[in-house]
Protein backbone atom coordinates (compact mmCIF):
# COMPACT_ATOMS: atom_id res chain seq x y z
CA MET A 1 233.63 157.46 106.44
CA THR A 2 230.52 159.21 105.18
CA VAL A 3 230.85 160.98 101.86
CA THR A 4 228.57 163.97 101.38
CA THR A 5 227.63 165.91 98.29
CA LEU A 6 227.98 169.64 97.78
CA ALA A 7 224.22 170.08 98.02
CA GLU A 8 224.16 168.25 101.37
CA ARG A 9 226.81 170.59 102.77
CA GLY A 10 224.61 173.50 101.79
CA ASP A 11 226.87 174.72 98.97
CA LEU A 12 224.10 175.30 96.46
CA SER A 13 224.73 176.21 92.87
CA ARG A 14 224.78 179.89 91.97
CA ALA A 15 221.75 179.45 89.72
CA ALA A 16 219.76 177.78 92.51
CA ARG A 17 220.63 180.58 94.95
CA ASP A 18 219.69 183.22 92.39
CA PHE A 19 216.38 181.48 91.70
CA LEU A 20 215.49 181.21 95.38
CA ARG A 21 216.40 184.86 95.95
CA THR A 22 214.33 186.04 92.97
CA GLU A 23 211.30 183.93 93.93
CA SER A 24 211.46 185.15 97.53
CA GLY A 25 211.30 188.77 96.42
CA SER A 26 208.55 187.94 93.92
CA ALA A 27 206.38 186.51 96.71
CA VAL A 28 206.15 189.94 98.36
CA LEU A 29 204.98 191.57 95.12
CA LEU A 30 202.59 188.71 94.42
CA LEU A 31 200.89 189.02 97.81
CA THR A 32 200.79 192.81 97.43
CA ALA A 33 199.10 192.39 94.04
CA ALA A 34 196.54 190.03 95.58
CA VAL A 35 195.69 192.56 98.31
CA LEU A 36 195.41 195.35 95.72
CA ALA A 37 193.14 193.20 93.53
CA LEU A 38 190.84 192.44 96.47
CA ALA A 39 190.79 196.09 97.52
CA TRP A 40 190.07 197.24 93.95
CA ALA A 41 187.24 194.74 93.54
CA ASN A 42 185.64 195.51 96.91
CA LEU A 43 186.45 199.13 97.71
CA GLY A 44 186.88 200.64 94.28
CA SER A 45 184.88 200.32 91.10
CA GLY A 46 185.34 199.16 87.56
CA TYR A 47 187.61 196.18 88.28
CA GLU A 48 185.88 193.75 85.92
CA GLU A 49 185.10 196.46 83.36
CA PHE A 50 188.78 197.43 83.17
CA TRP A 51 190.07 193.90 82.64
CA HIS A 52 187.39 193.24 80.01
CA THR A 53 188.58 196.20 77.91
CA HIS A 54 189.32 194.94 74.41
CA VAL A 55 192.66 195.69 72.76
CA ALA A 56 193.27 194.75 69.13
CA LEU A 57 196.48 194.36 67.13
CA THR A 58 196.11 194.80 63.38
CA PHE A 59 198.53 193.48 60.74
CA GLY A 60 197.14 194.45 57.34
CA ASP A 61 193.92 192.47 56.99
CA MET A 62 194.67 190.38 60.05
CA GLU A 63 193.42 191.37 63.50
CA LEU A 64 194.06 189.84 66.90
CA ALA A 65 191.58 191.14 69.48
CA LEU A 66 191.60 190.08 73.15
CA ASP A 67 190.51 191.73 76.36
CA LEU A 68 193.19 192.89 78.79
CA ARG A 69 192.78 189.85 81.04
CA HIS A 70 193.35 187.47 78.14
CA TRP A 71 196.35 189.48 76.93
CA VAL A 72 197.82 188.86 80.38
CA ASN A 73 196.67 185.23 80.73
CA ASP A 74 197.29 184.05 77.17
CA GLY A 75 200.11 186.42 76.22
CA LEU A 76 202.32 187.61 79.06
CA MET A 77 201.93 184.39 81.05
CA VAL A 78 203.59 182.51 78.19
CA LEU A 79 206.82 184.22 79.32
CA PHE A 80 206.18 182.94 82.85
CA PHE A 81 205.80 179.39 81.55
CA PHE A 82 208.85 179.98 79.33
CA SER A 83 210.91 180.74 82.45
CA VAL A 84 209.51 177.53 83.99
CA GLY A 85 210.65 175.57 80.93
CA LEU A 86 214.10 177.16 81.10
CA GLU A 87 214.41 176.21 84.77
CA ILE A 88 213.28 172.63 84.12
CA SER A 89 215.80 172.27 81.29
CA ARG A 90 218.68 173.72 83.32
CA GLU A 91 217.93 171.67 86.43
CA MET A 92 217.76 168.41 84.43
CA VAL A 93 221.12 169.10 82.77
CA LEU A 94 223.10 170.94 85.44
CA GLY A 95 221.12 171.23 88.64
CA GLU A 96 219.16 169.39 91.27
CA LEU A 97 217.27 167.06 88.88
CA ARG A 98 220.38 165.32 87.54
CA GLY A 99 220.49 161.59 88.02
CA ILE A 100 217.68 159.08 88.44
CA ARG A 101 217.69 158.88 92.24
CA ALA A 102 218.00 162.63 92.75
CA LEU A 103 215.06 163.11 90.40
CA ALA A 104 212.97 160.21 91.74
CA ALA A 105 212.27 161.56 95.25
CA PRO A 106 210.80 164.97 94.26
CA THR A 107 209.08 163.37 91.25
CA ILE A 108 207.27 160.70 93.28
CA ALA A 109 206.49 163.30 95.96
CA ALA A 110 205.06 165.62 93.31
CA ILE A 111 202.95 162.82 91.81
CA GLY A 112 201.47 162.20 95.25
CA GLY A 113 200.90 165.94 95.59
CA LEU A 114 199.06 165.99 92.25
CA THR A 115 196.87 162.91 92.58
CA VAL A 116 195.71 163.02 96.22
CA PRO A 117 194.37 166.62 96.04
CA ALA A 118 192.57 165.82 92.76
CA LEU A 119 190.95 162.74 94.31
CA LEU A 120 189.86 164.65 97.43
CA PHE A 121 188.45 167.41 95.22
CA LEU A 122 186.43 164.85 93.27
CA LEU A 123 185.07 163.37 96.51
CA PHE A 124 183.36 166.72 97.05
CA ASN A 125 182.52 167.53 93.43
CA GLY A 126 182.34 164.28 91.45
CA GLY A 127 179.35 164.40 89.12
CA GLY A 128 178.66 168.05 89.94
CA PRO A 129 178.90 171.14 87.73
CA ALA A 130 182.44 171.88 88.95
CA ALA A 131 183.84 168.34 88.60
CA GLY A 132 186.10 169.39 85.73
CA ALA A 133 187.83 172.01 87.89
CA TRP A 134 189.92 169.44 89.80
CA GLY A 135 193.07 171.02 88.33
CA ILE A 136 192.64 173.99 90.67
CA ALA A 137 193.57 171.89 93.69
CA ILE A 138 196.78 170.35 92.33
CA SER A 139 199.11 173.32 91.88
CA THR A 140 201.94 174.62 94.06
CA ASP A 141 202.92 178.28 93.83
CA THR A 142 206.72 178.25 93.93
CA ALA A 143 207.11 181.99 94.53
CA VAL A 144 204.87 182.10 97.60
CA VAL A 145 206.25 178.85 99.02
CA ILE A 146 209.83 180.15 98.81
CA GLY A 147 208.68 183.44 100.34
CA VAL A 148 207.05 181.68 103.30
CA LEU A 149 210.15 179.51 103.75
CA ALA A 150 212.10 182.73 104.29
CA LEU A 151 209.83 183.42 107.27
CA VAL A 152 210.51 179.95 108.66
CA GLY A 153 214.19 180.85 108.96
CA PRO A 154 216.84 178.37 110.10
CA ARG A 155 214.25 175.66 110.74
CA CYS A 156 214.17 175.24 106.95
CA PRO A 157 217.64 174.23 105.70
CA ASP A 158 218.82 175.00 102.18
CA GLN A 159 218.59 171.31 101.24
CA LEU A 160 214.83 171.37 101.88
CA ARG A 161 214.42 174.55 99.84
CA VAL A 162 216.11 172.89 96.87
CA PHE A 163 214.03 169.71 97.33
CA LEU A 164 210.84 171.78 97.31
CA LEU A 165 212.08 173.71 94.30
CA ALA A 166 212.61 170.43 92.42
CA LEU A 167 209.19 169.22 93.58
CA ALA A 168 207.57 172.45 92.38
CA ILE A 169 209.22 172.07 88.98
CA VAL A 170 207.77 168.56 88.55
CA ASP A 171 204.47 169.91 89.87
CA ASP A 172 204.57 172.60 87.17
CA ILE A 173 205.10 169.93 84.52
CA GLY A 174 202.01 168.10 85.76
CA ALA A 175 199.95 171.29 85.88
CA VAL A 176 200.94 172.32 82.35
CA ALA A 177 200.19 168.80 81.08
CA ALA A 178 196.76 168.98 82.72
CA ILE A 179 196.10 172.36 81.07
CA ALA A 180 197.14 171.03 77.67
CA ILE A 181 195.20 167.75 77.87
CA PHE A 182 192.12 168.44 79.98
CA TYR A 183 191.45 172.16 79.51
CA THR A 184 191.47 172.33 75.73
CA ASP A 185 188.09 172.42 74.01
CA ASP A 186 187.90 172.52 70.21
CA VAL A 187 191.15 171.79 68.39
CA GLN A 188 191.86 173.27 64.95
CA VAL A 189 193.94 170.57 63.31
CA THR A 190 195.64 172.77 60.69
CA ALA A 191 196.90 175.29 63.25
CA LEU A 192 197.98 172.48 65.57
CA VAL A 193 199.96 170.76 62.78
CA LEU A 194 201.65 174.09 61.98
CA SER A 195 202.62 174.50 65.62
CA VAL A 196 204.11 170.98 65.67
CA VAL A 197 206.16 171.79 62.53
CA LEU A 198 207.43 174.97 64.20
CA PHE A 199 208.26 172.99 67.33
CA LEU A 200 210.37 170.63 65.22
CA ALA A 201 212.10 173.66 63.71
CA LEU A 202 212.96 174.86 67.22
CA LEU A 203 214.18 171.37 68.06
CA GLY A 204 216.52 171.52 65.06
CA LEU A 205 217.77 174.92 66.21
CA ARG A 206 218.71 173.37 69.55
CA PHE A 207 221.18 171.06 67.84
CA ALA A 208 222.55 173.71 65.50
CA PRO A 209 226.22 174.71 66.06
CA PHE A 210 225.13 178.33 66.61
CA TRP A 211 222.51 180.28 68.53
CA ARG A 212 220.48 183.07 66.94
CA THR A 213 217.99 184.66 69.30
CA PRO A 214 216.05 186.63 66.61
CA ILE A 215 215.32 183.40 64.67
CA TYR A 216 214.21 181.70 67.88
CA VAL A 217 211.94 184.60 68.83
CA LEU A 218 210.38 184.79 65.36
CA ILE A 219 209.58 181.06 65.31
CA GLY A 220 208.25 181.33 68.88
CA VAL A 221 205.86 184.20 68.07
CA VAL A 222 204.44 182.40 65.02
CA MET A 223 204.14 179.21 67.09
CA TRP A 224 202.24 181.13 69.78
CA LEU A 225 199.79 182.48 67.21
CA ALA A 226 199.31 178.99 65.75
CA VAL A 227 198.67 177.39 69.14
CA LEU A 228 196.35 180.25 70.15
CA ASN A 229 194.28 179.58 67.02
CA SER A 230 194.43 175.79 67.49
CA GLY A 231 192.43 175.83 70.71
CA VAL A 232 195.28 174.48 72.86
CA HIS A 233 196.25 176.91 75.59
CA PRO A 234 199.42 178.82 74.59
CA SER A 235 201.06 178.23 77.98
CA VAL A 236 202.28 174.98 76.43
CA VAL A 237 204.30 177.04 73.94
CA GLY A 238 206.20 178.74 76.74
CA VAL A 239 207.23 175.50 78.43
CA ALA A 240 208.10 173.80 75.13
CA MET A 241 210.29 176.71 74.03
CA GLY A 242 212.04 176.83 77.40
CA LEU A 243 212.79 173.10 77.31
CA LEU A 244 214.44 173.45 73.90
CA VAL A 245 216.98 176.11 74.90
CA ASN A 246 220.45 174.65 75.36
CA ALA A 247 221.86 174.44 78.87
CA TYR A 248 225.45 173.39 79.43
CA ALA A 249 228.25 173.84 81.90
CA PRO A 250 231.08 176.21 80.90
CA ARG A 251 233.22 174.33 78.40
CA LEU A 252 236.96 174.37 78.86
CA ARG A 253 237.68 175.40 75.26
CA ASP A 254 235.30 178.37 75.57
CA VAL A 255 236.84 179.44 78.88
CA MET A 256 240.34 179.22 77.40
CA ARG A 257 239.27 181.20 74.32
CA ALA A 258 237.73 183.92 76.50
CA GLN A 259 240.93 184.05 78.55
CA VAL A 260 243.11 184.41 75.43
CA LEU A 261 240.92 187.13 73.90
CA GLY A 262 240.68 188.93 77.25
CA SER A 263 244.47 188.94 77.55
CA SER A 264 244.71 190.17 73.98
CA PHE A 265 242.35 193.04 74.79
CA MET A 266 244.45 194.01 77.84
CA LEU A 267 247.52 194.27 75.60
CA ASP A 268 245.70 196.23 72.91
CA PRO A 269 242.36 197.70 74.13
CA SER A 270 240.91 198.32 70.70
CA PRO A 271 237.13 198.25 69.99
CA GLU A 272 237.53 195.20 67.75
CA ARG A 273 239.30 193.18 70.43
CA ALA A 274 236.80 194.38 73.04
CA LEU A 275 233.91 193.06 70.95
CA ALA A 276 235.71 189.77 70.35
CA ALA A 277 236.42 189.34 74.08
CA GLN A 278 232.83 190.21 74.95
CA ALA A 279 231.47 187.67 72.46
CA ALA A 280 233.83 184.99 73.79
CA VAL A 281 232.80 185.61 77.42
CA THR A 282 229.12 185.49 76.42
CA GLU A 283 229.66 182.17 74.66
CA VAL A 284 230.95 180.62 77.91
CA VAL A 285 227.47 180.96 79.46
CA SER A 286 224.77 178.75 77.92
CA PRO A 287 221.82 180.38 76.08
CA ASN A 288 219.53 178.93 78.76
CA GLU A 289 221.21 180.81 81.59
CA ARG A 290 221.58 183.99 79.56
CA LEU A 291 217.84 183.99 78.84
CA GLN A 292 216.99 183.21 82.47
CA LEU A 293 219.08 186.17 83.55
CA ARG A 294 217.04 188.47 81.30
CA ILE A 295 213.55 186.97 81.62
CA GLN A 296 213.25 185.73 85.19
CA PRO A 297 213.19 189.20 86.83
CA TRP A 298 210.46 190.31 84.39
CA SER A 299 208.52 187.11 85.03
CA SER A 300 208.84 187.25 88.81
CA TYR A 301 208.54 190.99 89.41
CA VAL A 302 206.17 192.09 86.64
CA ILE A 303 204.25 189.36 84.85
CA VAL A 304 203.14 187.17 87.77
CA PRO A 305 202.10 190.12 90.01
CA LEU A 306 200.21 191.61 87.03
CA PHE A 307 198.51 188.25 86.46
CA VAL A 308 197.45 188.12 90.11
CA LEU A 309 196.19 191.70 89.94
CA ALA A 310 194.10 190.76 86.89
CA ASN A 311 192.64 187.55 88.34
CA ALA A 312 192.57 187.62 92.15
CA GLY A 313 189.92 190.31 92.52
CA VAL A 314 186.75 188.81 93.92
CA VAL A 315 183.88 190.63 95.62
CA ILE A 316 183.73 189.48 99.22
CA THR A 317 180.46 190.09 101.01
CA GLY A 318 178.49 188.20 103.60
CA GLU A 319 176.41 186.74 100.81
CA THR A 320 179.35 185.56 98.69
CA LEU A 321 181.13 184.11 101.73
CA ALA A 322 177.98 182.26 102.83
CA ALA A 323 177.54 180.87 99.32
CA ALA A 324 181.20 179.89 99.06
CA PHE A 325 181.42 178.08 102.38
CA THR A 326 178.34 176.02 101.58
CA SER A 327 179.72 175.16 98.14
CA PRO A 328 181.38 171.76 97.54
CA LEU A 329 183.67 173.52 95.05
CA THR A 330 185.15 175.77 97.76
CA TRP A 331 185.60 172.91 100.20
CA GLY A 332 187.05 170.63 97.55
CA ILE A 333 189.73 173.23 96.85
CA ILE A 334 190.42 173.93 100.54
CA VAL A 335 190.69 170.25 101.49
CA GLY A 336 192.72 169.47 98.36
CA LEU A 337 195.25 172.21 99.06
CA THR A 338 195.57 171.66 102.81
CA VAL A 339 195.03 167.94 103.40
CA GLY A 340 195.67 166.59 99.90
CA LYS A 341 199.05 168.24 99.36
CA LEU A 342 200.26 167.47 102.88
CA VAL A 343 199.30 163.79 102.66
CA GLY A 344 200.24 163.33 99.00
CA VAL A 345 203.72 164.89 99.15
CA THR A 346 204.57 163.20 102.46
CA ALA A 347 203.37 159.80 101.26
CA GLY A 348 205.17 160.17 97.93
CA THR A 349 208.43 161.06 99.67
CA TRP A 350 208.06 158.11 102.07
CA VAL A 351 207.47 155.71 99.17
CA ALA A 352 210.52 157.02 97.30
CA LEU A 353 212.78 156.61 100.34
CA ARG A 354 211.25 153.35 101.56
CA THR A 355 211.64 151.63 98.19
CA GLY A 356 215.11 153.07 97.63
CA LEU A 357 214.04 154.61 94.33
CA GLY A 358 214.98 158.08 95.49
CA ARG A 359 217.10 159.84 98.06
CA VAL A 360 217.22 163.15 99.86
CA PRO A 361 220.10 164.68 101.86
CA ASP A 362 220.41 162.58 105.00
CA THR A 363 220.59 165.69 107.19
CA LEU A 364 216.91 166.41 106.60
CA ARG A 365 214.45 165.46 109.31
CA TRP A 366 210.92 164.21 108.75
CA GLY A 367 209.49 167.18 110.61
CA GLN A 368 211.10 169.48 108.05
CA LEU A 369 209.88 167.45 105.08
CA ILE A 370 206.34 167.29 106.44
CA GLY A 371 206.41 171.04 107.05
CA GLY A 372 207.50 171.52 103.44
CA ALA A 373 204.68 169.24 102.30
CA GLY A 374 202.22 171.44 104.18
CA LEU A 375 203.56 174.57 102.48
CA ALA A 376 203.26 172.85 99.09
CA GLY A 377 199.52 173.37 99.46
CA ILE A 378 199.96 177.08 98.74
CA GLY A 379 198.42 177.07 95.29
CA PHE A 380 197.89 180.51 93.89
CA THR A 381 199.15 181.51 90.45
CA VAL A 382 198.42 178.30 88.53
CA ALA A 383 195.26 177.70 90.59
CA LEU A 384 193.86 181.06 89.48
CA PHE A 385 195.04 180.26 85.96
CA VAL A 386 193.12 176.96 85.88
CA THR A 387 190.05 178.64 87.37
CA GLU A 388 189.77 180.90 84.33
CA LEU A 389 190.09 177.89 82.02
CA ALA A 390 187.87 175.41 83.85
CA LEU A 391 184.88 177.52 84.95
CA ASP A 392 182.50 179.78 83.06
CA ASP A 393 179.83 180.40 85.69
CA GLU A 394 180.65 183.60 87.60
CA GLU A 395 179.30 182.24 90.91
CA LEU A 396 181.51 179.16 90.61
CA VAL A 397 184.51 181.36 89.73
CA THR A 398 183.87 183.40 92.89
CA ASP A 399 183.57 180.22 95.01
CA ALA A 400 186.80 178.90 93.50
CA LYS A 401 188.76 182.10 94.16
CA ILE A 402 187.58 182.21 97.77
CA GLY A 403 188.61 178.55 98.11
CA ILE A 404 192.05 179.29 96.63
CA LEU A 405 192.66 182.25 98.95
CA THR A 406 191.41 180.38 102.03
CA GLY A 407 193.19 177.12 101.21
CA SER A 408 196.48 178.86 100.45
CA LEU A 409 196.38 180.87 103.69
CA LEU A 410 195.57 177.73 105.71
CA ALA A 411 198.34 175.76 103.96
CA ALA A 412 200.84 178.51 104.83
CA LEU A 413 199.67 178.47 108.46
CA ILE A 414 199.76 174.66 108.67
CA GLY A 415 203.26 174.46 107.20
CA TRP A 416 204.54 177.21 109.49
CA LEU A 417 203.06 175.50 112.56
CA ILE A 418 204.64 172.16 111.63
CA PHE A 419 208.04 173.82 111.30
CA ARG A 420 207.48 175.66 114.56
CA LEU A 421 206.41 172.61 116.56
CA ALA A 422 208.13 169.67 114.88
CA GLY A 423 210.75 171.07 112.50
CA GLU A 424 213.68 169.54 114.42
CA ARG A 425 211.88 166.30 115.24
CA GLY A 426 210.91 163.10 113.51
CA GLY A 427 214.39 161.66 112.98
CA GLN A 428 216.56 161.88 109.91
CA CYS A 429 215.07 160.84 106.57
CA ALA A 430 217.98 158.46 105.93
CA PRO A 431 220.44 156.84 108.33
CA SER A 432 223.38 159.21 108.63
CA GLY A 433 225.83 156.31 108.56
CA LEU A 434 224.96 155.29 105.04
CA PRO A 435 227.44 156.58 102.47
CA VAL A 436 226.13 158.84 99.75
CA LEU A 437 227.72 158.59 96.34
CA PRO A 438 229.77 161.68 95.52
CA PRO A 439 228.81 163.74 92.50
CA ARG A 440 230.43 162.77 89.23
CA PRO A 441 233.48 164.97 88.55
CA TRP A 442 233.06 167.48 85.74
CA ARG A 443 235.00 166.70 82.62
CA PRO A 444 235.27 168.97 79.60
CA PRO A 445 233.45 167.66 76.54
CA ALA A 446 235.55 165.82 73.99
């Protein structure tokens, strides 16, 4: 008898369903923001002048002055990366990244999807002025991918959506690591040491028997300022802070306490007992999930579309298109996103399954996985982010943005065509007769 897991039957966790639903809606706003940015840059006026407007915050003798684009890229986007860190932490403790074999398949697939596009990019640009911009070609935009999967419909089962979500999370880890290691120029040692000390303070807060959001926020803001002054990109702060927020399943003692206090409130609905019951119910849900509930809608529906509006505007004329499509930078990005992601993710998944290091739900077919690998080439948000970090020359920035837009559109088309033509073909990824270990039963902590 074949034993199947909850994920393989399609009964996804509530958090996973909420994430997929939020990211799907975010994709519409993201694409709308991209169209508006292009229209503003080409049909309107003052696009670059507006985003280069300087805004300063003054605290006594201290002043922090950045232009609007950097306030978005270096400030608001930290909350986006914070939500990424929260999701990584939750998935590794409670979700789809639990267990070595469940984690191995999307991890190896993501490594293939990171390395092959970078190598193809360097084939076009190695030794050239844009060689350092290889990070543009390695990213996967989770929001747009999930949005396109909604258009695919029933040809894309829920199990594949969750696999691609896990892959995108590992991809995000690789992209953030690349930003921290390869796109940092001059490092101020004193500020960096201060940020490490603050990180250790946050780590200690994780193991404290209580949770105090104001303390966490205060340490996070000071840490952001320290990292900003250190020369390391502050996106690292967001991910680090998100990883350090506790995630746990509802604990039996907390559920029982909430039930007792709730019953007490029903017998005597006084304000004091109402507050006690409310606090007890809140304690049942981990700080990680409480913060996700508050931050993810802002990240998905406000911050990322605003980031795209601030960065996707590029003047498209016959001259800029001619220059872009004769540029090795543009073609390196296009080939990396379309061919590199497709080949890298597919090959990585095959290696994981062939060696037995990883597993995927045995109901998935190879046509579906290859279609998902094609869609993984939609690199938008992080690709634009790396463009601003890796390139200074305005002509190269324009070439890169045209490459990102073209490559992402082609990747979406390629993935959709694979689903359309071969989504139900290719055989199952694992023999359906092989038993799959059931999930470990949940036990309340001692």
